[in-house]
Protein backbone atom coordinates (compact mmCIF):
# COMPACT_ATOMS: atom_id res chain seq x y z
CA MET A 1 220.44 -14.03 90.52
CA HIS A 2 217.42 -15.84 88.97
CA LYS A 3 217.71 -18.54 91.68
CA LYS A 4 217.96 -16.17 94.46
CA TRP A 5 215.00 -14.09 93.29
CA GLY A 6 212.96 -17.26 92.37
CA LEU A 7 213.30 -18.68 95.96
CA LEU A 8 212.69 -15.31 97.50
CA THR A 9 209.72 -14.75 95.43
CA GLY A 10 208.15 -18.19 96.17
CA TYR A 11 208.83 -18.05 100.02
CA SER A 12 207.53 -14.42 100.09
CA ILE A 13 204.23 -15.44 98.56
CA VAL A 14 203.87 -18.46 101.11
CA LEU A 15 204.75 -16.13 103.93
CA ILE A 16 202.05 -13.38 102.71
CA ALA A 17 199.43 -16.36 102.63
CA LEU A 18 200.31 -17.33 106.21
CA VAL A 19 200.51 -13.86 107.67
CA ALA A 20 197.19 -12.92 105.73
CA GLY A 21 195.59 -15.93 107.24
CA PHE A 22 196.58 -14.55 110.77
CA VAL A 23 195.67 -11.02 110.28
CA TYR A 24 192.58 -11.08 108.11
CA GLY A 25 191.35 -14.63 109.01
CA PHE A 26 191.98 -14.22 112.85
CA VAL A 27 192.70 -10.67 113.95
CA HIS A 28 190.31 -8.87 111.69
CA SER A 29 187.47 -11.36 111.99
CA THR A 30 187.76 -11.35 115.74
CA ILE A 31 187.36 -7.56 116.09
CA TYR A 32 185.64 -6.27 113.05
CA GLN A 33 181.85 -7.00 113.20
CA ALA A 34 180.11 -5.72 110.03
CA GLY A 35 177.27 -3.22 110.88
CA ASP A 36 177.62 -3.45 114.59
CA SER A 37 179.57 -0.43 115.91
CA ALA A 38 179.01 -1.18 119.53
CA LEU A 39 180.30 -4.75 119.39
CA THR A 40 183.14 -3.68 117.10
CA VAL A 41 184.41 -0.97 119.63
CA GLY A 42 183.93 -3.34 122.38
CA LEU A 43 186.07 -6.04 120.79
CA LEU A 44 188.63 -3.49 119.80
CA LEU A 45 189.00 -2.27 123.34
CA GLU A 46 189.35 -5.99 124.42
CA ASN A 47 191.85 -6.90 122.03
CA ILE A 48 193.82 -3.65 121.40
CA THR A 49 197.14 -5.41 121.68
CA LEU A 50 196.10 -7.96 119.13
CA TYR A 51 194.84 -5.22 116.83
CA LYS A 52 198.34 -3.62 116.90
CA PHE A 53 199.99 -6.90 116.10
CA GLY A 54 197.64 -7.00 113.08
CA ILE A 55 198.80 -3.64 111.85
CA VAL A 56 202.44 -4.84 112.16
CA SER A 57 201.27 -7.89 110.09
CA TRP A 58 199.80 -5.79 107.38
CA LEU A 59 203.11 -3.91 107.18
CA VAL A 60 204.99 -7.15 106.73
CA ILE A 61 202.74 -8.21 103.85
CA ILE A 62 203.31 -4.76 102.24
CA VAL A 63 206.98 -5.15 102.33
CA LEU A 64 206.68 -8.79 101.18
CA ASP A 65 204.32 -7.81 98.18
CA ILE A 66 207.07 -5.29 97.15
CA VAL A 67 209.63 -8.03 97.07
CA VAL A 68 207.31 -10.34 95.03
CA SER A 69 206.78 -7.54 92.57
CA ILE A 70 210.57 -7.13 91.97
CA GLY A 71 211.11 -10.92 92.01
CA LEU A 72 208.47 -11.63 89.35
CA TYR A 73 210.00 -8.96 87.05
CA VAL A 74 213.48 -10.56 87.52
CA ILE A 75 212.37 -14.00 86.78
CA TYR A 76 210.39 -13.13 83.57
CA LYS A 77 212.03 -9.96 82.13
CA ASP A 78 214.45 -11.67 79.89
CA GLN A 79 211.71 -13.47 77.85
CA LEU A 80 208.91 -11.04 78.21
CA LYS A 81 210.05 -7.59 79.59
CA LYS A 82 206.89 -5.66 78.77
CA LEU A 83 204.43 -8.12 80.06
CA ALA A 84 206.54 -8.77 83.10
CA THR A 85 206.69 -5.02 83.73
CA LEU A 86 203.06 -4.69 83.60
CA SER A 87 202.33 -7.57 85.88
CA SER A 88 204.78 -6.12 88.48
CA VAL A 89 203.56 -2.61 88.17
CA LEU A 90 200.10 -3.86 88.72
CA ARG A 91 201.15 -5.52 91.91
CA ILE A 92 203.05 -2.38 93.09
CA LEU A 93 199.85 -0.47 92.48
CA TYR A 94 197.85 -2.95 94.47
CA THR A 95 200.39 -2.86 97.24
CA LEU A 96 200.05 1.10 97.33
CA ILE A 97 196.27 0.80 97.66
CA LEU A 98 196.69 -1.71 100.45
CA GLY A 99 199.01 0.67 102.15
CA ILE A 100 196.20 3.33 101.84
CA ALA A 101 193.82 0.87 103.34
CA VAL A 102 196.16 -0.13 106.17
CA ALA A 103 196.73 3.55 106.92
CA GLN A 104 192.92 3.66 108.00
CA LEU A 105 193.64 1.10 110.65
CA ILE A 106 196.66 3.14 111.85
CA LEU A 107 194.55 6.33 111.93
CA LEU A 108 191.97 4.68 114.17
CA LEU A 109 194.79 4.50 116.85
CA ILE A 110 196.03 7.98 116.14
CA HIS A 111 192.88 10.05 116.22
CA ASN A 112 191.36 11.04 119.25
CA ASN A 113 187.94 9.62 118.54
CA GLY A 114 189.29 6.87 116.56
CA LEU A 115 188.47 3.98 119.14
CA SER A 116 184.97 5.14 119.58
CA ASN A 117 184.45 5.27 115.64
CA GLY A 118 186.25 1.93 115.03
CA LEU A 119 183.67 0.59 112.83
CA LEU A 120 183.98 3.58 110.27
CA TYR A 121 187.79 2.97 110.04
CA PHE A 122 187.18 -0.76 109.44
CA GLU A 123 184.57 -0.10 106.75
CA SER A 124 186.85 2.38 105.08
CA PHE A 125 189.64 -0.27 105.05
CA GLU A 126 187.32 -2.84 103.63
CA LYS A 127 186.22 -0.54 100.72
CA ILE A 128 189.74 0.58 99.89
CA TRP A 129 191.19 -2.91 100.01
CA SER A 130 188.42 -4.27 97.86
CA LEU A 131 189.33 -1.85 95.18
CA GLY A 132 192.94 -2.83 95.59
CA LEU A 133 192.09 -6.61 95.20
CA ILE A 134 190.50 -5.58 91.74
CA ILE A 135 193.97 -4.50 90.71
CA PHE A 136 195.49 -7.53 92.30
CA GLY A 137 193.20 -9.65 90.11
CA LEU A 138 194.45 -7.80 87.05
CA HIS A 139 198.08 -8.61 88.30
CA LEU A 140 197.23 -12.24 88.53
CA LEU A 141 195.72 -12.29 84.98
CA ALA A 142 198.77 -10.49 83.60
CA LEU A 143 200.96 -12.91 85.43
CA GLY A 144 199.10 -15.79 84.15
CA ILE A 145 199.59 -14.44 80.51
CA VAL A 146 203.17 -13.98 81.11
CA CYS A 147 203.55 -17.58 82.30
CA LEU A 148 201.51 -18.84 79.39
CA LYS A 149 203.67 -17.01 76.93
CA SER A 150 206.94 -18.10 78.68
CA ASP A 151 208.49 -21.64 77.86
CA PHE A 152 209.76 -21.70 81.50
CA THR A 153 206.41 -22.16 83.44
CA PRO A 154 204.18 -25.24 83.18
CA LYS A 155 200.83 -24.38 81.38
CA PHE A 156 198.71 -25.57 84.49
CA PHE A 157 200.00 -22.71 86.70
CA SER A 158 199.51 -20.24 83.82
CA TYR A 159 195.84 -21.21 83.49
CA PHE A 160 195.26 -21.44 87.26
CA LEU A 161 196.68 -17.94 87.69
CA VAL A 162 194.29 -16.64 85.04
CA LEU A 163 191.55 -18.27 86.82
CA GLY A 164 192.50 -16.81 90.09
CA GLY A 165 192.64 -13.35 88.56
CA LEU A 166 189.18 -13.75 86.99
CA CYS A 167 187.82 -14.80 90.31
CA TYR A 168 189.27 -11.79 92.03
CA LEU A 169 187.76 -9.56 89.42
CA LEU A 170 184.32 -10.94 89.66
CA VAL A 171 184.04 -11.12 93.51
CA GLN A 172 185.62 -7.69 94.18
CA ASN A 173 183.72 -5.99 91.39
CA LEU A 174 180.60 -7.31 92.91
CA LYS A 175 181.45 -6.10 96.34
CA SER A 176 182.75 -2.69 95.32
CA PHE A 177 180.15 -1.75 92.73
CA LEU A 178 177.11 -3.73 93.34
CA PRO A 179 176.82 -3.61 97.23
CA HIS A 180 172.97 -4.34 96.85
CA LEU A 181 173.86 -7.97 95.76
CA ASN A 182 175.68 -8.51 99.09
CA GLU A 183 174.31 -11.92 99.73
CA THR A 184 174.97 -13.08 96.11
CA SER A 185 178.59 -11.72 96.47
CA VAL A 186 179.24 -13.64 99.67
CA THR A 187 177.98 -16.88 98.12
CA ILE A 188 180.16 -16.44 95.06
CA GLU A 189 183.05 -15.56 97.29
CA SER A 190 182.73 -18.70 99.41
CA ILE A 191 182.66 -20.83 96.21
CA LEU A 192 185.60 -18.99 94.65
CA THR A 193 187.82 -18.62 97.66
CA ALA A 194 189.71 -21.85 97.00
CA PRO A 195 190.89 -20.84 93.36
CA MET A 196 191.61 -17.31 94.49
CA ALA A 197 193.93 -18.60 97.33
CA LEU A 198 195.41 -21.49 95.82
CA SER A 199 196.31 -20.07 92.28
CA GLU A 200 199.09 -18.07 93.55
CA LEU A 201 199.98 -20.30 96.48
CA SER A 202 200.44 -23.31 94.04
CA PHE A 203 202.62 -21.17 91.89
CA ALA A 204 204.82 -20.07 94.71
CA ILE A 205 205.27 -23.67 95.81
CA TRP A 206 206.39 -24.59 92.20
CA LEU A 207 208.79 -21.62 92.05
CA ILE A 208 210.30 -22.87 95.36
CA ILE A 209 210.71 -26.49 94.01
CA LYS A 210 211.80 -25.32 90.62
CA PHE A 211 214.63 -22.96 91.71
CA THR A 212 215.72 -25.23 94.67
CA ARG A 213 216.38 -27.93 92.05
CA GLN A 214 218.07 -25.45 89.57
CA LYS A 215 221.82 -24.63 89.39
CA LYS A 216 222.65 -21.19 90.36
CA ILE A 217 222.52 -18.82 87.34
């Protein structure tokens, strides 16, 4: 059971990173131009099929996030049930908020005036998701503490997850609650992108290696 969920969790996190790189790093950035409604609408109309693929990709991420939430609980519940529950609940809460954010992108297609007001829906998505990423930061922080208290996980990954969580909290709180510091937020985010991305990804790779070598239990 643990081996199955360990591998499923590890591979799901890696897949989330790959799909997110496509949908946010490519699809989103190709269409959404902050502050420029006309250009955003124009790019949206030119890339409507790509946009729809993007929505499907976000839905895939949501499903994978639920899988990861369950998997992390299964892996750590025997040692630290309360903390494992907290960590998983925080990720489920984040996933729920992400779902609400993605709904804005779906509404863009459903509403009659959605395409002409594309920028508003993108901005709504950004604001909601940024709030969700604060919860995600808390999830990483809780997961790091779980790993730190567990005798199963190397301390390096524990500290790296805590660092990643703190980075998410700093960046997303600046973006959500101090928008007048936008230039500062962008600079800080560019510096902290690596630890935010690699903290969970390195943990996922460790999970895959660890459970691949482990006998089935």
